[in-house]
């Protein structure tokens, strides 16, 4: 390894650690961040491998934290799952994160609905459809939406 490679490796690791100090990242997110800073693929791979071995970078931990954070902001399981897929996580890791996060989505959809609509009854079908659309865009499944509106 040349001095330039060692220097690049140190800079990449420092950048990665700074990012991870702010919040958890998925492996894909961190790889993309480092690539945007023009580090080579070899340097990125080595940094990511080292950080995973040292347990500073973990897709499993990221998934669990992400489930909790997004649920706290009122988003449903469908939306959160899709976001995690876009961040490069495999289905098994997404499911494990959901279980580990222990989010009660039935209580969450009720809370989100009450915050927005304050026990006001639906005026008509158009109003009901608008409310369904709101909850659907928040990422809640159709059966949960029906149970809240009925």
Protein backbone atom coordinates (compact mmCIF):
# COMPACT_ATOMS: atom_id res chain seq x y z
CA UNK A 1 0.00 0.00 0.00
CA UNK A 2 1.44 3.36 -0.98
CA UNK A 3 1.41 6.48 1.20
CA UNK A 4 -1.34 7.97 -0.96
CA UNK A 5 -3.52 4.89 -0.48
CA UNK A 6 -2.95 4.97 3.28
CA UNK A 7 -3.80 8.67 3.30
CA UNK A 8 -6.97 8.08 1.29
CA UNK A 9 -7.91 5.21 3.57
CA UNK A 10 -7.45 7.37 6.66
CA UNK A 11 -9.49 10.21 5.14
CA UNK A 12 -12.27 7.84 4.09
CA UNK A 13 -12.39 6.20 7.51
CA UNK A 14 -12.44 9.59 9.23
CA UNK A 15 -15.29 10.73 6.98
CA UNK A 16 -17.22 7.52 7.60
CA UNK A 17 -16.75 7.76 11.36
CA UNK A 18 -17.95 11.38 11.32
CA UNK A 19 -21.10 10.31 9.46
CA UNK A 20 -21.70 7.41 11.84
CA UNK A 21 -21.22 9.69 14.84
CA UNK A 22 -24.21 11.74 13.70
CA UNK A 23 -26.57 8.80 13.06
CA UNK A 24 -26.73 5.15 12.06
CA UNK A 25 -26.25 4.45 8.34
CA UNK A 26 -26.89 1.43 6.18
CA UNK A 27 -23.91 -0.07 4.36
CA UNK A 28 -25.29 1.21 1.04
CA UNK A 29 -25.81 4.74 2.38
CA UNK A 30 -22.26 4.91 3.69
CA UNK A 31 -20.84 3.51 0.44
CA UNK A 32 -22.76 6.13 -1.54
CA UNK A 33 -21.62 8.93 0.77
CA UNK A 34 -17.99 7.93 0.40
CA UNK A 35 -18.36 7.52 -3.37
CA UNK A 36 -19.74 11.08 -3.61
CA UNK A 37 -16.52 12.21 -1.92
CA UNK A 38 -14.58 10.55 -4.77
CA UNK A 39 -12.97 7.73 -2.79
CA UNK A 40 -12.11 4.68 -4.88
CA UNK A 41 -14.19 1.50 -4.67
CA UNK A 42 -11.25 -0.36 -3.12
CA UNK A 43 -10.87 2.22 -0.36
CA UNK A 44 -14.64 2.27 0.28
CA UNK A 45 -14.80 -1.52 0.47
CA UNK A 46 -11.91 -1.68 2.91
CA UNK A 47 -13.36 1.04 5.16
CA UNK A 48 -16.82 -0.56 5.17
CA UNK A 49 -15.35 -3.99 5.96
CA UNK A 50 -13.29 -2.59 8.85
CA UNK A 51 -16.24 -0.67 10.28
CA UNK A 52 -18.46 -3.77 10.11
CA UNK A 53 -15.80 -5.88 11.83
CA UNK A 54 -15.50 -3.28 14.59
CA UNK A 55 -19.31 -3.17 14.85
CA UNK A 56 -19.46 0.56 14.07
CA UNK A 57 -21.56 -0.20 10.98
CA UNK A 58 -24.46 -2.64 11.11
CA UNK A 59 -27.44 -3.00 8.79
CA UNK A 60 -29.33 -4.84 11.54
CA UNK A 61 -28.86 -2.03 14.06
CA UNK A 62 -29.65 0.56 11.39
CA UNK A 63 -32.93 -1.20 10.53
CA UNK A 64 -34.05 -1.33 14.16
CA UNK A 65 -33.27 2.34 14.79
CA UNK A 66 -34.87 3.37 11.49
CA UNK A 67 -38.12 1.49 12.28
CA UNK A 68 -38.38 3.25 15.64
CA UNK A 69 -37.55 6.72 14.34
CA UNK A 70 -39.92 6.63 11.39
CA UNK A 71 -42.74 5.14 13.47
CA UNK A 72 -42.28 7.93 16.04
CA UNK A 73 -42.85 10.38 13.18
CA UNK A 74 -46.14 8.67 12.34
CA UNK A 75 -45.22 6.52 9.36
CA UNK A 76 -46.64 3.05 8.78
CA UNK A 77 -44.97 -0.29 8.12
CA UNK A 78 -45.49 -0.29 4.35
CA UNK A 79 -43.69 3.03 3.85
CA UNK A 80 -40.88 2.24 6.30
CA UNK A 81 -40.28 -1.17 4.71
CA UNK A 82 -40.04 0.40 1.23
CA UNK A 83 -37.64 3.07 2.49
CA UNK A 84 -35.40 0.41 4.01
CA UNK A 85 -35.40 -1.53 0.73
CA UNK A 86 -34.27 1.66 -1.03
CA UNK A 87 -31.45 1.96 1.49
CA UNK A 88 -30.14 -1.43 0.38
CA UNK A 89 -31.43 -3.70 3.15
CA UNK A 90 -32.50 -7.28 2.53
CA UNK A 91 -36.01 -8.45 3.43
CA UNK A 92 -34.78 -10.63 6.31
CA UNK A 93 -32.95 -7.69 7.92
CA UNK A 94 -35.99 -5.44 7.45
CA UNK A 95 -38.23 -8.02 9.15
CA UNK A 96 -35.74 -8.53 11.97
CA UNK A 97 -35.59 -4.76 12.50
CA UNK A 98 -39.38 -4.57 12.68
CA UNK A 99 -39.53 -7.29 15.33
CA UNK A 100 -36.64 -5.81 17.33
CA UNK A 101 -38.11 -2.30 17.24
CA UNK A 102 -41.33 -3.56 18.88
CA UNK A 103 -43.56 -0.90 17.29
CA UNK A 104 -47.32 -1.17 17.93
CA UNK A 105 -48.68 -0.06 14.55
CA UNK A 106 -52.31 -0.49 15.61
CA UNK A 107 -51.84 2.12 18.34
CA UNK A 108 -49.74 4.25 15.99
CA UNK A 109 -52.37 4.47 13.23
CA UNK A 110 -54.96 5.39 15.85
CA UNK A 111 -52.68 8.14 17.21
CA UNK A 112 -51.90 9.50 13.73
CA UNK A 113 -55.59 9.50 12.80
CA UNK A 114 -56.68 11.21 16.04
CA UNK A 115 -53.97 13.85 15.74
CA UNK A 116 -55.17 14.77 12.26
CA UNK A 117 -58.94 14.38 12.60
CA UNK A 118 -59.75 14.78 16.35
CA UNK A 119 -62.70 12.34 16.53
CA UNK A 120 -64.62 14.29 13.89
CA UNK A 121 -66.90 11.95 11.95
CA UNK A 122 -66.55 11.61 8.18
CA UNK A 123 -68.89 14.07 6.43
CA UNK A 124 -69.33 12.01 3.28
CA UNK A 125 -67.65 9.43 1.05
CA UNK A 126 -65.30 12.03 -0.41
CA UNK A 127 -64.10 12.95 3.10
CA UNK A 128 -63.66 9.26 3.96
CA UNK A 129 -61.65 8.73 0.77
CA UNK A 130 -59.47 11.74 1.64
CA UNK A 131 -58.78 10.28 5.08
CA UNK A 132 -57.99 6.87 3.60
CA UNK A 133 -55.58 8.50 1.17
CA UNK A 134 -53.84 10.35 3.99
CA UNK A 135 -53.28 7.15 5.99
CA UNK A 136 -52.30 5.23 2.83
CA UNK A 137 -49.65 7.84 1.95
CA UNK A 138 -48.32 7.57 5.50
CA UNK A 139 -47.66 3.89 4.77
CA UNK A 140 -50.40 2.04 6.62
CA UNK A 141 -51.92 -1.13 5.14
CA UNK A 142 -55.51 -1.12 3.85
CA UNK A 143 -56.87 -3.42 6.58
CA UNK A 144 -55.51 -1.17 9.34
CA UNK A 145 -56.98 1.89 7.60
CA UNK A 146 -60.40 0.22 7.37
CA UNK A 147 -60.34 -0.73 11.06
CA UNK A 148 -59.56 2.85 12.10
CA UNK A 149 -62.21 4.41 9.89
CA UNK A 150 -64.96 1.97 10.89
